[in-house]
Amino acid sequence: MYGIITIVAYAAIMIGVTLFLSKRAKTAENFHVADRHIGTLQAGMSIAATWIWAPALFTSAEKAYTNGIPGLFWFLVPNVLCLLLFIPFAKRIREKMPQGITLSDFMATTYKSKKVRGIYIGQLSLLAVLSTGVQLLAGGKILSTITGIPFWLMTIILAAIAFSYSQFSGIKASVLTDAIQIILMLVSCAVFVPWALCNEGGVDNLINGLGGRSGDFRHLFDENGINVLLSFGIPTAIGLIAGPFGDQCFWQRAFATRKDKIGKSFAIGAALFAIIPLSMGILGFVAAGSEYQAADSGLVNFELITNMFPEWTMLLFLFMVISGLLSTVDSNLCAAASLTSDFGGSMKMAKGSMIVLLILGIGIANIPGLSVTHLFLFYCTLRATTLLPTAMTLLGKKLTANGVFFGVLSSFVVGLPIFAYGNIVGDSLLKTIGSLVTVLLSGIVALIVSHKEAVREC
């Protein structure tokens, strides 16, 4: 019952906020970048909410519960660091292309190349599809379990809610609802964490749980800590730090935020974001220290709240889950729509791209036996394919169109398959090698090809 109430109330709030506080977008400039007038706090809250994808709410608790301090550290720190590292690049792209909308258009214009545009649109589009799929998969599973609604139908319902307000005013709707979503998540954390610590033995459970369920994970660089670093830390850190660089959601916000507020907005976003996974990690430590035996370690915070708190608190938790889920989905919808601007797409085409994205995302979420963790790690690594060519271009490094194209392509055809195979067979070394090859190969190949072409021209 709580689940259905939450879904209906959530949809009503988000649609109401959008209709009351924004006007229907009638131009591409307004729909995609809100006429570039988004202020500091709004942008910061939107950045934080967009970066909090549904699995993060569970992964942070799971890693604290199973892998203690190193597990949570290698999830939390890169997540925060990436948003801070992104700031100078967000400022630079806005300086170089003040009227821009997409990363793909910036790269294509810089290199005057359709090939570069194509491969960047391919990467950004695929990321949006996979990201949407993992949100619907993770959120749909838990909400389906709670409400009794079939999983496939739940993914459609969630997708429809995100589309209902996103198609009205585009990025403005996404930013407005992001602000509400981050507030809901912060309020939930402000209730659950102090309550858990104030319960009998709460602080002791937290201290005892810092080593994870087994108690063997208290240090970052002992044998167990190194194992976590190799199997989870490095692949996750690479994917997360590359995250904003390979995600149109964040370039779009860089173009939509007031030019003089970009740095402050991303810094606020990083700070607000950090509160959420840290709070969920604390619940994971408390569960580990209390020797709680989770039926599913991936849902340990949900199980702990169900067992520790009154039944009504489930409403708060469900609002937090849906907020984390749909804040990313609606951002992906706006990102996908913005990519149509590369071709001078109409508003009709932009909204059509949103529908296509949701159909593909729903399809991926409903693939039998698909793992949230595997899908998450894969699309995290996918973002790294364009990291170095993008960063080098913004830093002023002279590359060529062929260099950029073949650099990104090499990461796709060499690095990603190595990582995917390592992920499937559970080989930590292969996952680490695949991640490193993916992020480094694009830059190395881009430099080599560009250098050879420069020599030929001389």
Protein backbone atom coordinates (compact mmCIF):
# COMPACT_ATOMS: atom_id res chain seq x y z
CA MET A 1 0.00 0.00 0.00
CA TYR A 2 2.81 2.41 0.93
CA GLY A 3 4.46 1.81 -2.41
CA ILE A 4 1.40 2.74 -4.47
CA ILE A 5 0.71 5.80 -2.30
CA THR A 6 4.30 6.94 -2.77
CA ILE A 7 4.25 6.54 -6.55
CA VAL A 8 0.96 8.43 -6.94
CA ALA A 9 2.02 11.20 -4.54
CA TYR A 10 5.42 11.51 -6.19
CA ALA A 11 3.93 11.82 -9.68
CA ALA A 12 1.43 14.44 -8.48
CA ILE A 13 4.15 16.52 -6.79
CA MET A 14 6.54 16.50 -9.75
CA ILE A 15 3.88 17.23 -12.36
CA GLY A 16 2.37 19.94 -10.14
CA VAL A 17 5.72 21.64 -9.54
CA THR A 18 6.49 21.60 -13.26
CA LEU A 19 3.12 23.03 -14.30
CA PHE A 20 3.09 25.66 -11.55
CA LEU A 21 6.68 26.89 -11.75
CA SER A 22 7.52 26.61 -15.44
CA LYS A 23 5.98 27.38 -18.80
CA ARG A 24 5.75 25.01 -21.73
CA ALA A 25 8.95 25.34 -23.74
CA LYS A 26 8.33 26.52 -27.29
CA THR A 27 11.88 26.99 -28.55
CA ALA A 28 14.89 24.67 -28.66
CA GLU A 29 16.98 27.19 -26.70
CA ASN A 30 14.45 27.15 -23.87
CA PHE A 31 13.78 23.41 -23.98
CA HIS A 32 17.43 22.34 -24.04
CA VAL A 33 19.25 25.00 -21.97
CA ALA A 34 16.52 27.09 -20.26
CA ASP A 35 17.80 30.23 -22.04
CA ARG A 36 21.05 29.80 -20.04
CA HIS A 37 19.62 31.46 -16.93
CA ILE A 38 19.74 28.70 -14.29
CA GLY A 39 21.11 30.07 -10.99
CA THR A 40 23.70 28.70 -8.58
CA LEU A 41 21.57 26.86 -6.01
CA GLN A 42 19.12 25.45 -8.52
CA ALA A 43 21.93 24.22 -10.73
CA GLY A 44 23.84 22.76 -7.76
CA MET A 45 20.80 20.87 -6.52
CA SER A 46 20.12 19.61 -10.03
CA ILE A 47 23.72 18.45 -10.50
CA ALA A 48 23.60 16.57 -7.18
CA ALA A 49 20.26 14.92 -7.94
CA THR A 50 21.30 13.97 -11.47
CA TRP A 51 24.49 12.34 -10.18
CA ILE A 52 22.55 10.29 -7.61
CA TRP A 53 21.38 7.34 -9.67
CA ALA A 54 19.19 4.72 -7.98
CA PRO A 55 21.90 2.04 -7.54
CA ALA A 56 24.07 4.53 -5.62
CA LEU A 57 21.53 4.50 -2.80
CA PHE A 58 22.06 0.76 -2.44
CA THR A 59 25.65 0.30 -3.64
CA SER A 60 27.06 2.63 -0.98
CA ALA A 61 25.30 0.69 1.79
CA GLU A 62 26.23 -2.67 0.25
CA LYS A 63 29.93 -1.82 -0.07
CA ALA A 64 30.06 -0.51 3.51
CA TYR A 65 28.28 -3.65 4.72
CA THR A 66 30.42 -6.13 2.80
CA ASN A 67 33.77 -4.34 2.30
CA GLY A 68 33.87 -1.85 5.17
CA ILE A 69 35.95 1.31 4.93
CA PRO A 70 37.68 0.54 1.59
CA GLY A 71 34.38 -0.43 -0.02
CA LEU A 72 32.67 2.83 0.85
CA PHE A 73 35.81 4.92 0.26
CA TRP A 74 36.31 3.74 -3.33
CA PHE A 75 32.68 4.41 -4.08
CA LEU A 76 32.24 7.76 -2.33
CA VAL A 77 35.49 9.65 -2.98
CA PRO A 78 35.65 9.26 -6.81
CA ASN A 79 31.95 10.13 -6.95
CA VAL A 80 32.60 13.47 -5.30
CA LEU A 81 36.00 14.14 -6.86
CA CYS A 82 34.74 13.80 -10.43
CA LEU A 83 32.30 16.70 -10.08
CA LEU A 84 35.07 18.95 -8.72
CA LEU A 85 37.51 17.92 -11.47
CA PHE A 86 34.85 18.69 -14.05
CA ILE A 87 34.56 22.37 -13.06
CA PRO A 88 37.43 23.87 -15.13
CA PHE A 89 36.33 21.89 -18.19
CA ALA A 90 32.70 23.00 -17.81
CA LYS A 91 33.90 26.61 -17.64
CA ARG A 92 36.15 26.17 -20.65
CA ILE A 93 33.54 24.64 -22.95
CA ARG A 94 31.21 27.52 -22.13
CA GLU A 95 33.96 30.03 -22.97
CA LYS A 96 34.80 28.29 -26.23
CA MET A 97 31.18 27.78 -27.30
CA PRO A 98 28.93 30.24 -25.43
CA GLN A 99 25.83 29.27 -27.41
CA GLY A 100 26.49 25.53 -27.36
CA ILE A 101 24.10 22.80 -26.29
CA THR A 102 25.93 19.47 -26.66
CA LEU A 103 29.42 18.06 -26.25
CA SER A 104 29.10 16.29 -29.60
CA ASP A 105 28.42 19.57 -31.40
CA PHE A 106 31.41 21.21 -29.69
CA MET A 107 33.75 18.39 -30.76
CA ALA A 108 32.33 18.26 -34.30
CA THR A 109 32.61 22.03 -34.70
CA THR A 110 36.15 22.05 -33.30
CA TYR A 111 37.35 19.38 -35.75
CA LYS A 112 34.89 20.16 -38.57
CA SER A 113 34.13 16.46 -38.81
CA LYS A 114 30.94 14.43 -39.23
CA LYS A 115 32.84 11.32 -38.08
CA VAL A 116 33.68 12.95 -34.76
CA ARG A 117 30.08 14.07 -34.35
CA GLY A 118 28.84 10.58 -35.13
CA ILE A 119 31.05 8.71 -32.69
CA TYR A 120 30.36 11.19 -29.90
CA ILE A 121 26.62 11.07 -30.46
CA GLY A 122 26.89 7.28 -30.47
CA GLN A 123 28.70 7.22 -27.12
CA LEU A 124 26.44 9.82 -25.48
CA SER A 125 23.28 8.13 -26.78
CA LEU A 126 24.34 4.64 -25.73
CA LEU A 127 25.23 5.92 -22.28
CA ALA A 128 21.80 7.54 -21.89
CA VAL A 129 20.10 4.29 -22.90
CA LEU A 130 22.15 2.10 -20.53
CA SER A 131 21.84 4.59 -17.68
CA THR A 132 18.07 4.72 -18.11
CA GLY A 133 17.93 0.93 -18.26
CA VAL A 134 19.84 0.50 -14.98
CA GLN A 135 17.63 3.06 -13.18
CA LEU A 136 14.47 1.28 -14.28
CA LEU A 137 15.97 -2.11 -13.45
CA ALA A 138 17.07 -1.17 -9.93
CA GLY A 139 14.07 0.96 -9.01
CA GLY A 140 11.58 -1.30 -10.72
CA LYS A 141 12.72 -4.36 -8.80
CA ILE A 142 12.30 -2.90 -5.35
CA LEU A 143 9.07 -1.06 -6.12
CA SER A 144 7.61 -4.13 -7.78
CA THR A 145 8.43 -6.19 -4.68
CA ILE A 146 6.80 -3.65 -2.38
CA THR A 147 3.68 -2.89 -4.44
CA GLY A 148 3.05 -6.28 -6.01
CA ILE A 149 2.82 -4.63 -9.43
CA PRO A 150 4.55 -6.78 -12.09
CA PHE A 151 8.12 -5.67 -12.71
CA TRP A 152 7.65 -5.03 -16.44
CA LEU A 153 4.63 -2.84 -15.75
CA MET A 154 6.48 -0.94 -13.00
CA THR A 155 9.28 -0.01 -15.42
CA ILE A 156 6.67 1.42 -17.80
CA ILE A 157 4.94 3.37 -15.01
CA LEU A 158 8.20 4.91 -13.83
CA ALA A 159 9.20 5.81 -17.39
CA ALA A 160 5.80 7.43 -18.00
CA ILE A 161 6.11 9.56 -14.86
CA ALA A 162 9.51 10.90 -15.91
CA PHE A 163 8.27 11.64 -19.42
CA SER A 164 5.10 13.38 -18.22
CA TYR A 165 6.89 16.37 -16.75
CA SER A 166 10.13 16.32 -18.79
CA GLN A 167 8.34 16.81 -22.10
CA PHE A 168 6.58 19.93 -20.78
CA SER A 169 9.48 22.32 -20.32
CA GLY A 170 12.59 20.19 -20.91
CA ILE A 171 15.68 21.01 -18.86
CA LYS A 172 13.72 23.55 -16.77
CA ALA A 173 11.36 20.79 -15.64
CA SER A 174 14.31 18.53 -14.90
CA VAL A 175 16.06 21.20 -12.81
CA LEU A 176 12.92 22.13 -10.88
CA THR A 177 12.06 18.53 -10.04
CA ASP A 178 15.72 17.79 -9.25
CA ALA A 179 15.54 20.42 -6.50
CA ILE A 180 12.51 18.70 -4.96
CA GLN A 181 14.15 15.30 -5.36
CA ILE A 182 17.39 16.25 -3.61
CA ILE A 183 15.41 17.82 -0.75
CA LEU A 184 13.42 14.59 -0.33
CA MET A 185 16.63 12.56 -0.26
CA LEU A 186 18.37 14.85 2.22
CA VAL A 187 15.35 14.87 4.55
CA SER A 188 15.28 11.06 4.45
CA CYS A 189 18.97 10.90 5.38
CA ALA A 190 18.42 13.42 8.18
CA VAL A 191 15.79 11.09 9.63
CA PHE A 192 17.34 7.65 9.15
CA VAL A 193 20.98 8.21 10.14
CA PRO A 194 20.49 9.98 13.51
CA TRP A 195 17.67 7.57 14.35
CA ALA A 196 19.86 4.55 13.62
CA LEU A 197 22.71 5.96 15.72
CA CYS A 198 20.44 6.92 18.62
CA ASN A 199 18.99 3.41 18.86
CA GLU A 200 20.45 1.19 21.55
CA GLY A 201 24.00 0.24 20.55
CA GLY A 202 23.82 2.43 17.42
CA VAL A 203 27.18 4.19 17.74
CA ASP A 204 28.90 0.99 18.89
CA ASN A 205 27.43 -0.84 15.91
CA LEU A 206 28.76 1.86 13.62
CA ILE A 207 32.29 1.56 15.04
CA ASN A 208 32.21 -2.23 15.03
CA GLY A 209 30.91 -2.25 11.46
CA LEU A 210 33.71 -0.18 9.95
CA GLY A 211 35.44 -3.40 8.96
CA GLY A 212 32.37 -4.68 7.15
CA ARG A 213 30.34 -7.75 7.98
CA SER A 214 33.43 -9.93 8.41
CA GLY A 215 35.40 -7.25 10.26
CA ASP A 216 38.37 -7.72 7.91
CA PHE A 217 38.08 -4.48 5.91
CA ARG A 218 39.25 -1.64 8.15
CA HIS A 219 42.23 -0.46 6.11
CA LEU A 220 42.59 0.85 2.58
CA PHE A 221 45.95 -0.69 1.75
CA ASP A 222 46.30 -3.97 3.63
CA GLU A 223 45.79 -7.21 1.70
CA ASN A 224 41.99 -7.06 1.89
CA GLY A 225 41.95 -3.36 1.06
CA ILE A 226 44.13 -3.93 -2.01
CA ASN A 227 41.76 -6.67 -3.18
CA VAL A 228 38.86 -4.23 -2.97
CA LEU A 229 40.95 -1.63 -4.82
CA LEU A 230 41.70 -4.01 -7.70
CA SER A 231 38.30 -5.65 -8.01
CA PHE A 232 36.12 -2.60 -7.39
CA GLY A 233 38.11 0.56 -6.66
CA ILE A 234 40.08 1.10 -9.87
CA PRO A 235 37.30 0.18 -12.36
CA THR A 236 34.79 2.22 -10.38
CA ALA A 237 37.12 5.21 -9.92
CA ILE A 238 37.94 5.34 -13.64
CA GLY A 239 34.29 5.13 -14.62
CA LEU A 240 33.16 7.67 -12.04
CA ILE A 241 35.90 10.24 -12.62
CA ALA A 242 35.23 9.98 -16.34
CA GLY A 243 31.50 10.15 -15.62
CA PRO A 244 30.62 13.80 -16.23
CA PHE A 245 33.03 13.98 -19.19
CA GLY A 246 31.16 11.29 -21.09
CA ASP A 247 27.65 12.27 -20.03
CA GLN A 248 25.63 14.89 -21.90
CA CYS A 249 23.55 15.53 -18.76
CA PHE A 250 26.44 17.48 -17.22
CA TRP A 251 27.57 19.29 -20.36
CA GLN A 252 23.96 20.35 -20.82
CA ARG A 253 23.93 21.83 -17.31
CA ALA A 254 27.21 23.59 -18.01
CA PHE A 255 25.55 25.26 -21.00
CA ALA A 256 22.29 25.99 -19.14
CA THR A 257 23.77 27.50 -15.95
CA ARG A 258 24.61 31.19 -15.78
CA LYS A 259 28.17 31.50 -17.05
CA ASP A 260 29.54 33.11 -13.88
CA LYS A 261 27.90 30.50 -11.62
CA ILE A 262 29.21 27.27 -13.16
CA GLY A 263 32.05 26.64 -10.69
CA LYS A 264 29.97 27.31 -7.58
CA SER A 265 27.11 25.21 -8.92
CA PHE A 266 29.23 22.11 -9.45
CA ALA A 267 30.94 22.56 -6.06
CA ILE A 268 27.55 22.77 -4.32
CA GLY A 269 26.40 19.75 -6.32
CA ALA A 270 29.41 17.72 -5.14
CA ALA A 271 28.82 18.66 -1.50
CA LEU A 272 25.10 17.87 -1.58
CA PHE A 273 25.71 14.61 -3.39
CA ALA A 274 28.28 13.41 -0.84
CA ILE A 275 25.70 13.48 1.96
CA ILE A 276 23.53 10.81 0.34
CA PRO A 277 25.94 7.87 -0.25
CA LEU A 278 27.76 8.69 3.00
CA SER A 279 24.48 8.43 4.89
CA MET A 280 23.58 5.15 3.20
CA GLY A 281 27.11 3.89 3.92
CA ILE A 282 26.62 4.64 7.61
CA LEU A 283 23.51 2.47 7.59
CA GLY A 284 25.60 -0.27 5.98
CA PHE A 285 28.20 0.01 8.76
CA VAL A 286 25.46 -0.11 11.42
CA ALA A 287 24.01 -3.24 9.84
CA ALA A 288 27.45 -4.89 9.72
CA GLY A 289 28.27 -3.93 13.33
CA SER A 290 24.95 -5.24 14.63
CA GLU A 291 25.70 -8.56 12.90
CA TYR A 292 22.55 -8.22 10.87
CA GLN A 293 22.28 -11.00 8.32
CA ALA A 294 20.94 -9.46 5.14
CA ALA A 295 18.84 -11.64 2.88
CA ASP A 296 20.23 -9.57 0.00
CA SER A 297 23.35 -7.50 0.73
CA GLY A 298 22.49 -5.27 -2.20
CA LEU A 299 19.37 -4.13 -0.33
CA VAL A 300 20.81 -4.10 3.18
CA ASN A 301 19.77 -0.49 3.92
CA PHE A 302 16.21 -1.23 2.82
CA GLU A 303 16.13 -4.36 5.01
CA LEU A 304 17.60 -2.50 7.99
CA ILE A 305 15.03 0.29 7.75
CA THR A 306 12.23 -2.25 7.41
CA ASN A 307 13.35 -4.04 10.58
CA MET A 308 14.56 -1.10 12.70
CA PHE A 309 12.06 1.67 12.09
CA PRO A 310 8.26 2.08 12.25
CA GLU A 311 6.33 1.07 9.17
CA TRP A 312 5.48 4.65 8.18
CA THR A 313 9.16 5.47 7.59
CA MET A 314 8.98 3.26 4.51
CA LEU A 315 7.25 6.20 2.82
CA LEU A 316 10.38 8.32 3.28
CA PHE A 317 12.65 5.58 1.98
CA LEU A 318 10.49 5.00 -1.08
CA PHE A 319 10.40 8.72 -1.86
CA MET A 320 14.20 8.69 -1.67
CA VAL A 321 14.47 5.70 -4.02
CA ILE A 322 12.07 7.13 -6.59
CA SER A 323 13.79 10.51 -6.40
CA GLY A 324 17.21 8.95 -7.01
CA LEU A 325 15.80 6.88 -9.85
CA LEU A 326 13.80 9.49 -11.75
CA SER A 327 16.21 12.39 -11.22
CA THR A 328 18.60 10.51 -13.49
CA VAL A 329 15.94 9.28 -15.89
CA ASP A 330 14.50 12.75 -16.52
CA SER A 331 18.03 14.13 -16.98
CA ASN A 332 18.74 11.39 -19.52
CA LEU A 333 15.55 12.31 -21.35
CA CYS A 334 16.64 15.94 -21.62
CA ALA A 335 20.14 14.88 -22.67
CA ALA A 336 18.81 12.63 -25.42
CA ALA A 337 16.50 15.40 -26.62
CA SER A 338 19.37 17.90 -26.70
CA LEU A 339 21.37 15.66 -29.04
CA THR A 340 18.75 16.25 -31.74
CA SER A 341 19.89 19.89 -31.80
CA ASP A 342 23.07 18.71 -33.57
CA PHE A 343 20.88 18.17 -36.63
CA GLY A 344 18.69 21.24 -36.15
CA GLY A 345 15.96 18.96 -34.83
CA SER A 346 12.48 20.26 -34.15
CA MET A 347 10.67 20.15 -30.81
CA LYS A 348 8.73 17.19 -32.17
CA MET A 349 11.97 15.33 -32.90
CA ALA A 350 13.33 16.19 -29.45
CA LYS A 351 10.29 14.74 -27.70
CA GLY A 352 10.30 11.76 -30.03
CA SER A 353 13.87 10.99 -28.98
CA MET A 354 12.67 10.93 -25.37
CA ILE A 355 10.12 8.25 -26.20
CA VAL A 356 12.69 6.18 -28.11
CA LEU A 357 15.08 6.40 -25.15
CA LEU A 358 12.42 5.16 -22.74
CA ILE A 359 11.42 2.27 -25.00
CA LEU A 360 15.05 1.14 -25.24
CA GLY A 361 15.61 1.64 -21.49
CA ILE A 362 12.52 -0.40 -20.63
CA GLY A 363 13.68 -3.12 -23.00
CA ILE A 364 17.12 -3.33 -21.36
CA ALA A 365 15.64 -3.34 -17.85
CA ASN A 366 13.49 -6.33 -18.78
CA ILE A 367 16.31 -8.51 -20.14
CA PRO A 368 16.13 -11.71 -18.04
CA GLY A 369 18.98 -12.25 -15.57
CA LEU A 370 20.58 -8.84 -16.14
CA SER A 371 22.60 -7.65 -13.13
CA VAL A 372 22.44 -4.06 -11.93
CA THR A 373 26.12 -4.19 -10.90
CA HIS A 374 27.32 -5.53 -14.25
CA LEU A 375 25.31 -2.97 -16.20
CA PHE A 376 26.44 -0.14 -13.93
CA LEU A 377 30.13 -1.02 -14.23
CA PHE A 378 29.85 -1.37 -18.01
CA TYR A 379 28.25 2.00 -18.61
CA CYS A 380 30.66 3.61 -16.14
CA THR A 381 33.53 2.33 -18.28
CA LEU A 382 31.73 3.39 -21.47
CA ARG A 383 31.92 7.00 -20.28
CA ALA A 384 35.72 6.72 -20.15
CA THR A 385 36.03 6.15 -23.91
CA THR A 386 35.83 9.88 -24.67
CA LEU A 387 37.54 11.24 -21.54
CA LEU A 388 41.06 11.97 -22.83
CA PRO A 389 40.20 13.29 -26.32
CA THR A 390 37.61 15.61 -24.77
CA ALA A 391 39.91 16.81 -22.00
CA MET A 392 42.86 17.32 -24.36
CA THR A 393 40.70 19.29 -26.79
CA LEU A 394 39.42 21.59 -24.06
CA LEU A 395 42.96 22.06 -22.75
CA GLY A 396 44.08 23.23 -26.18
CA LYS A 397 45.99 20.14 -27.35
CA LYS A 398 46.09 20.04 -31.14
CA LEU A 399 44.52 16.80 -32.33
CA THR A 400 43.06 15.90 -35.70
CA ALA A 401 39.59 14.68 -36.56
CA ASN A 402 40.94 11.23 -37.49
CA GLY A 403 42.96 11.14 -34.28
CA VAL A 404 39.88 11.78 -32.15
CA PHE A 405 37.70 9.38 -34.15
CA PHE A 406 40.11 6.45 -34.15
CA GLY A 407 41.10 7.11 -30.54
CA VAL A 408 37.52 6.78 -29.31
CA LEU A 409 36.86 3.87 -31.68
CA SER A 410 39.89 1.96 -30.35
CA SER A 411 38.59 2.26 -26.80
CA PHE A 412 35.24 0.92 -27.97
CA VAL A 413 36.59 -2.10 -29.85
CA VAL A 414 39.53 -3.01 -27.57
CA GLY A 415 39.07 -1.66 -24.04
CA LEU A 416 35.35 -2.23 -23.55
CA PRO A 417 35.36 -5.91 -24.65
CA ILE A 418 38.25 -6.68 -22.27
CA PHE A 419 36.39 -5.04 -19.42
CA ALA A 420 33.08 -6.69 -20.33
CA TYR A 421 34.68 -10.15 -20.41
CA GLY A 422 36.41 -9.59 -17.08
CA ASN A 423 33.13 -8.40 -15.63
CA ILE A 424 31.23 -11.45 -16.87
CA VAL A 425 33.76 -14.02 -15.62
CA GLY A 426 34.47 -12.09 -12.40
CA ASP A 427 38.19 -11.62 -13.10
CA SER A 428 39.40 -8.59 -11.11
CA LEU A 429 42.64 -8.23 -13.06
CA LEU A 430 40.88 -8.24 -16.42
CA LYS A 431 38.35 -5.67 -15.19
CA THR A 432 41.17 -3.40 -14.07
CA ILE A 433 43.11 -3.87 -17.32
CA GLY A 434 39.96 -3.28 -19.37
CA SER A 435 39.21 -0.05 -17.48
CA LEU A 436 42.73 1.27 -17.90
CA VAL A 437 42.90 0.33 -21.59
CA THR A 438 39.54 1.99 -22.22
CA VAL A 439 40.52 5.30 -20.68
CA LEU A 440 44.12 5.42 -21.92
CA LEU A 441 43.88 3.97 -25.42
CA SER A 442 41.64 6.72 -26.81
CA GLY A 443 44.15 9.37 -25.77
CA ILE A 444 47.22 7.44 -26.93
CA VAL A 445 45.75 6.59 -30.33
CA ALA A 446 44.45 10.15 -30.77
CA LEU A 447 47.94 11.53 -30.14
CA ILE A 448 49.70 9.02 -32.41
CA VAL A 449 47.31 9.45 -35.35
CA SER A 450 47.30 13.24 -34.96
CA HIS A 451 51.10 13.34 -34.83
CA LYS A 452 51.46 11.18 -37.94
CA GLU A 453 49.06 13.38 -39.87
CA ALA A 454 50.89 16.50 -38.74
CA VAL A 455 54.22 15.02 -39.91
CA ARG A 456 52.73 14.11 -43.31
CA GLU A 457 51.45 17.65 -43.77
CA CYS A 458 54.92 19.04 -43.04
